[in-house]
Protein backbone atom coordinates (compact mmCIF):
# COMPACT_ATOMS: atom_id res chain seq x y z
CA MET A 1 0.20 0.16 0.15
CA GLU A 2 1.05 3.60 -0.83
CA THR A 3 2.35 5.55 2.27
CA ARG A 4 0.49 8.37 3.82
CA GLU A 5 2.38 11.14 1.71
CA GLU A 6 1.88 9.12 -1.61
CA LEU A 7 -1.67 9.01 -1.15
CA LEU A 8 -1.82 12.70 0.10
CA ALA A 9 0.27 13.76 -3.33
CA ALA A 10 -2.64 11.27 -5.10
CA LEU A 11 -5.60 13.26 -3.62
CA LYS A 12 -4.08 16.57 -4.68
CA VAL A 13 -4.29 15.57 -7.99
CA VAL A 14 -7.74 14.59 -7.60
CA GLU A 15 -8.73 17.70 -5.92
CA LYS A 16 -6.93 20.06 -8.33
CA TRP A 17 -8.93 18.38 -11.13
CA GLU A 18 -12.01 19.01 -8.94
CA GLY A 19 -11.20 22.54 -8.86
CA GLU A 20 -11.06 22.75 -12.49
CA GLN A 21 -14.50 21.41 -13.34
CA LYS A 22 -16.53 24.61 -14.50
CA ASP A 23 -20.21 25.31 -15.13
CA LEU A 24 -21.93 24.31 -18.04
CA TRP A 25 -21.39 26.29 -21.48
CA PHE A 26 -24.03 28.51 -22.56
CA TRP A 27 -25.14 26.43 -24.98
CA GLU A 28 -25.26 23.25 -23.01
CA LYS A 29 -28.29 24.79 -21.21
CA LEU A 30 -29.83 25.12 -24.76
CA GLY A 31 -29.17 21.32 -25.11
CA ARG A 32 -33.40 20.67 -25.03
CA LEU A 33 -33.89 22.50 -28.09
CA PRO A 34 -32.42 19.54 -30.60
CA PHE A 35 -34.42 16.80 -29.04
CA ALA A 36 -37.52 19.08 -28.54
CA LEU A 37 -36.96 19.09 -32.78
CA LEU A 38 -36.09 15.38 -32.85
CA ASP A 39 -39.49 15.04 -30.85
CA LYS A 40 -41.51 16.42 -33.43
CA ILE A 41 -40.00 15.47 -36.80
CA THR A 42 -38.49 12.02 -35.97
CA PRO A 43 -40.90 8.92 -36.65
CA ALA A 44 -43.08 7.28 -34.04
CA PHE A 45 -40.87 3.82 -34.46
CA LEU A 46 -37.36 5.77 -33.86
CA GLN A 47 -38.42 7.38 -30.69
CA GLU A 48 -39.86 4.11 -29.65
CA LYS A 49 -36.77 2.56 -30.06
CA VAL A 50 -34.53 5.64 -28.13
CA GLY A 51 -37.61 5.30 -25.09
CA LEU A 52 -36.82 2.06 -24.96
CA ALA A 53 -32.68 2.71 -24.67
CA LEU A 54 -33.54 4.87 -21.78
CA ASP A 55 -35.77 2.34 -20.12
CA GLU A 56 -33.23 -0.35 -20.24
CA MET A 57 -30.75 1.88 -18.92
CA ILE A 58 -32.97 2.75 -15.84
CA GLY A 59 -33.55 -1.14 -15.49
CA TYR A 60 -29.80 -1.16 -15.26
CA VAL A 61 -29.55 0.03 -11.78
CA GLU A 62 -32.02 -2.09 -10.62
CA THR A 63 -30.55 -5.54 -12.11
CA GLY A 64 -27.78 -4.89 -14.43
CA GLY A 65 -29.73 -5.88 -17.44
CA ARG A 66 -27.73 -6.69 -20.35
CA TYR A 67 -25.40 -3.79 -20.03
CA LEU A 68 -23.72 -5.54 -17.04
CA THR A 69 -20.07 -6.10 -18.08
CA SER A 70 -17.89 -9.11 -17.15
CA ALA A 71 -14.94 -8.75 -15.20
CA ASP A 72 -12.96 -11.24 -17.09
CA ASP A 73 -11.10 -8.73 -19.50
CA VAL A 74 -10.11 -6.51 -16.73
CA LEU A 75 -8.99 -8.83 -14.47
CA ARG A 76 -6.93 -10.81 -17.37
CA ARG A 77 -5.58 -6.98 -18.21
CA VAL A 78 -4.36 -6.52 -14.34
CA GLN A 79 -2.80 -9.76 -14.24
CA GLU A 80 -0.92 -9.27 -17.41
CA ARG A 81 0.46 -6.04 -16.12
CA THR A 82 1.12 -7.52 -12.41
CA GLY A 83 2.49 -10.72 -13.51
CA ARG A 84 0.30 -12.37 -10.93
CA GLY A 85 -1.82 -15.67 -11.12
CA GLU A 86 -5.92 -15.28 -10.80
CA LEU A 87 -6.96 -12.51 -9.04
CA THR A 88 -10.73 -11.30 -7.62
CA LEU A 89 -11.89 -7.72 -7.79
CA GLY A 90 -11.54 -7.17 -4.18
CA GLU A 91 -7.68 -8.04 -4.60
CA VAL A 92 -7.47 -5.78 -7.34
CA GLY A 93 -8.31 -3.30 -5.12
CA GLU A 94 -5.42 -3.96 -2.89
CA LEU A 95 -3.24 -3.45 -5.84
CA PRO A 96 -0.92 -0.14 -5.71
CA LEU A 97 -3.11 3.02 -7.21
CA ALA A 98 -0.44 3.37 -10.21
CA VAL A 99 -1.56 -0.14 -11.72
CA MET A 100 -5.01 0.64 -11.34
CA ASN A 101 -4.69 3.98 -12.79
CA ASP A 102 -2.69 2.70 -16.09
CA VAL A 103 -5.07 -0.02 -16.53
CA ALA A 104 -7.97 2.63 -16.30
CA ARG A 105 -6.25 4.68 -19.21
CA GLU A 106 -5.70 1.43 -21.27
CA TYR A 107 -9.49 1.09 -20.96
CA ALA A 108 -10.24 5.04 -21.65
CA LYS A 109 -8.12 5.05 -24.78
CA SER A 110 -9.76 2.20 -26.18
CA ARG A 111 -13.23 3.10 -25.82
CA THR A 112 -12.26 6.71 -27.11
CA LYS A 113 -11.33 5.20 -30.17
CA PHE A 114 -14.41 3.19 -30.48
CA ALA A 115 -16.58 5.98 -29.69
CA ALA A 116 -15.16 7.87 -32.84
CA TRP A 117 -15.50 5.45 -35.20
CA GLN A 118 -19.24 5.02 -33.71
CA GLY A 119 -19.83 8.57 -34.09
CA ALA A 120 -18.47 8.84 -37.82
CA THR A 121 -20.62 5.81 -38.67
CA THR A 122 -23.81 6.77 -37.28
CA GLY A 123 -22.91 10.31 -38.35
CA ILE A 124 -23.64 9.42 -42.23
CA GLY A 125 -27.49 9.33 -42.17
CA GLY A 126 -27.99 12.43 -40.18
CA LEU A 127 -30.96 12.73 -38.66
CA PHE A 128 -32.33 9.09 -38.48
CA THR A 129 -28.82 7.78 -37.82
CA LEU A 130 -28.82 10.45 -34.82
CA ALA A 131 -31.61 9.17 -33.16
CA ILE A 132 -29.43 5.83 -32.94
CA ASP A 133 -26.58 7.18 -31.86
CA ILE A 134 -27.76 8.61 -28.70
CA PRO A 135 -28.63 5.18 -27.44
CA MET A 136 -25.48 3.52 -28.54
CA LEU A 137 -23.47 6.43 -26.76
CA LEU A 138 -25.12 6.12 -23.98
CA GLY A 139 -24.52 2.21 -23.85
CA LEU A 140 -20.90 2.72 -24.44
CA SER A 141 -20.92 5.16 -21.40
CA LEU A 142 -22.38 2.68 -19.04
CA LYS A 143 -19.80 0.31 -20.28
CA VAL A 144 -16.60 2.59 -19.51
CA LEU A 145 -17.80 3.21 -16.73
CA GLN A 146 -18.07 -0.15 -15.23
CA GLU A 147 -14.71 -0.99 -16.61
CA ILE A 148 -13.14 1.62 -15.03
CA CYS A 149 -15.08 0.86 -11.83
CA MET A 150 -13.54 -2.83 -11.80
CA CYS A 151 -10.25 -1.62 -12.67
CA TYR A 152 -10.10 0.13 -8.94
CA GLY A 153 -11.22 -3.33 -7.59
CA TYR A 154 -15.12 -2.18 -7.48
CA ASP A 155 -17.97 -4.75 -8.44
CA PRO A 156 -21.04 -3.30 -10.56
CA ASN A 157 -22.77 -6.58 -10.30
CA GLU A 158 -23.83 -4.54 -6.62
CA LYS A 159 -26.57 -2.72 -6.49
CA SER A 160 -25.01 0.01 -4.32
CA GLU A 161 -21.97 0.45 -7.13
CA ARG A 162 -24.28 0.67 -10.06
CA VAL A 163 -25.67 4.06 -8.04
CA PHE A 164 -22.20 5.15 -7.76
CA LEU A 165 -21.98 4.95 -11.17
CA ILE A 166 -25.05 6.50 -12.46
CA LYS A 167 -24.09 9.49 -9.99
CA VAL A 168 -20.62 9.81 -12.03
CA LEU A 169 -22.62 10.02 -15.48
CA GLN A 170 -24.86 12.36 -13.60
CA PHE A 171 -21.74 14.53 -12.47
CA SER A 172 -20.70 14.72 -16.31
CA SER A 173 -23.75 16.64 -17.22
CA SER A 174 -24.33 18.81 -14.38
CA ASP A 175 -23.26 22.40 -13.92
CA TYR A 176 -21.19 23.50 -11.37
CA VAL A 177 -23.54 23.58 -8.61
CA GLY A 178 -24.76 20.18 -9.31
CA LYS A 179 -21.20 18.85 -9.66
CA GLN A 180 -20.10 20.25 -6.23
CA ALA A 181 -23.27 18.62 -4.50
CA ILE A 182 -21.97 15.35 -6.45
CA LEU A 183 -18.74 15.48 -4.82
CA ALA A 184 -20.02 15.95 -1.67
CA GLU A 185 -22.05 12.89 -1.88
CA LEU A 186 -19.35 10.94 -3.12
CA SER A 187 -16.93 11.87 -1.09
CA GLN A 188 -18.52 10.27 1.68
CA TYR A 189 -19.23 7.06 -0.13
CA HIS A 190 -16.62 4.73 1.46
CA GLN A 191 -18.61 5.31 4.50
CA ALA A 192 -21.71 2.35 4.54
CA PRO A 193 -23.96 4.93 6.51
CA ALA A 194 -23.22 7.71 3.59
CA ARG A 195 -23.28 4.72 0.80
CA ASN A 196 -26.64 3.82 2.64
CA GLN A 197 -28.24 7.55 2.27
CA LEU A 198 -26.96 8.00 -1.45
CA PHE A 199 -28.95 5.21 -2.22
CA SER A 200 -31.90 6.78 -0.85
CA GLN A 201 -31.58 10.02 -1.82
CA LEU A 202 -30.77 8.70 -5.82
CA GLN A 203 -34.63 8.63 -7.57
CA GLY A 204 -35.83 9.02 -10.68
CA TRP A 205 -33.52 7.02 -12.87
CA ARG A 206 -35.14 7.96 -16.34
CA GLU A 207 -34.77 11.95 -15.15
CA VAL A 208 -30.97 11.38 -14.68
CA VAL A 209 -30.65 9.92 -18.28
CA LEU A 210 -32.58 12.18 -19.93
CA ILE A 211 -30.74 14.97 -18.61
CA HIS A 212 -27.52 13.39 -19.38
CA ALA A 213 -29.19 12.86 -22.81
CA GLU A 214 -30.30 16.41 -23.22
CA ASN A 215 -27.43 17.92 -21.66
CA PHE A 216 -25.19 17.11 -24.71
CA GLY A 217 -27.53 17.33 -27.15
CA TRP A 218 -26.33 20.82 -28.34
CA LYS A 219 -23.51 18.95 -29.71
CA LYS A 220 -25.32 16.91 -31.75
CA LEU A 221 -26.63 19.54 -34.01
CA PHE A 222 -24.24 19.40 -36.31
CA GLN A 223 -24.43 15.60 -36.80
CA LEU A 224 -27.98 16.16 -38.33
CA ILE A 225 -26.19 16.89 -41.56
CA PRO A 226 -25.78 14.18 -43.73
CA VAL A 227 -22.45 12.98 -44.50
CA ALA A 228 -21.08 16.05 -42.62
CA GLY A 229 -22.41 14.56 -39.40
CA ILE A 230 -19.49 11.58 -39.90
CA LEU A 231 -16.88 14.55 -38.62
CA PHE A 232 -18.63 15.66 -36.04
CA GLY A 233 -20.24 12.41 -35.13
CA ALA A 234 -16.72 11.20 -34.76
CA TYR A 235 -15.06 14.13 -32.86
CA LEU A 236 -17.85 14.68 -30.56
CA ASN A 237 -18.36 11.17 -29.53
CA ARG A 238 -14.72 10.54 -28.88
CA LYS A 239 -14.49 13.84 -26.41
CA THR A 240 -17.51 12.55 -24.41
CA ILE A 241 -16.51 9.24 -23.54
CA GLU A 242 -12.91 10.82 -23.24
CA GLU A 243 -14.23 13.37 -20.92
CA LEU A 244 -16.58 10.57 -18.96
CA ALA A 245 -13.63 8.33 -18.67
CA GLU A 246 -11.53 11.05 -17.17
CA THR A 247 -14.16 11.55 -14.61
CA ALA A 248 -15.07 7.84 -13.39
CA SER A 249 -10.91 7.66 -13.45
CA MET A 250 -10.64 10.45 -11.09
CA LEU A 251 -13.69 10.11 -8.63
CA TYR A 252 -12.98 6.18 -8.57
CA ARG A 253 -9.67 7.07 -7.62
CA LYS A 254 -10.36 9.40 -4.93
CA ARG A 255 -12.76 7.08 -3.45
CA ARG A 256 -9.88 4.51 -3.14
CA ILE A 257 -7.37 6.48 -1.79
CA LEU A 258 -10.02 7.68 0.94
CA GLU A 259 -10.65 4.07 1.65
CA ARG A 260 -6.96 3.71 2.41
CA PHE A 261 -6.94 6.70 4.36
CA ALA A 262 -9.39 5.28 6.40
CA GLN A 263 -7.25 2.03 6.69
CA TYR A 264 -4.49 3.97 8.11
CA GLU A 265 -6.52 5.57 10.87
CA GLY A 266 -7.68 2.08 11.77
CA ILE A 267 -4.25 0.73 12.11
CA LEU A 268 -2.89 3.55 14.33
């Protein structure tokens, strides 16, 4: 385990990042506009498909559903990096922070590249492929969040961990005030009473997911243009996953650091 000084240095890196999280851009606050337009001109069957994807994400919190990611690949990568034999997620959580950070960066890089390809592909058809791109991007967001969650030794099979994951997703779409409130909640998540309280506070899964979708809606405006949407889709999807992966890495890293500080206090 890291020394107190090393943990303090790692914590300062996260706190510096937290301080750099600013308010949403003015245009992000107008994120509902393109979705209001989509509601009016998108065929009913496409709206139904998008709604189904949102319902499935809501169900993800309750059951994991088809979005639940296996830990096998994460464990294999950690084993290759450390040269150790079979590991459990609990044992991953006992590894040095540097190992967790490195594996998390690998996943962030890989998923960011995939998001760019996905955005370019769904940008070909403008309006209609945009309606498909939205649930696909939300699904990819859940996947990368779960993978980074496991990189730090946490298990998304547990419902309480899926609650934390959704709060991370919510953080990426919140304004400055919302981000500060979420940071305050998540900073206490390593304590069991705080975890139970947060679980009872987080309600309305549909609202959380819809806000996330609406707040990046403005970024998709240019993707409505057929063919030209390829470039915009590739860039915007890549940026979305890149920022989300960074957010997840920082918040899970901070949580692990605070847990290790608590361990030190228990020892002394």
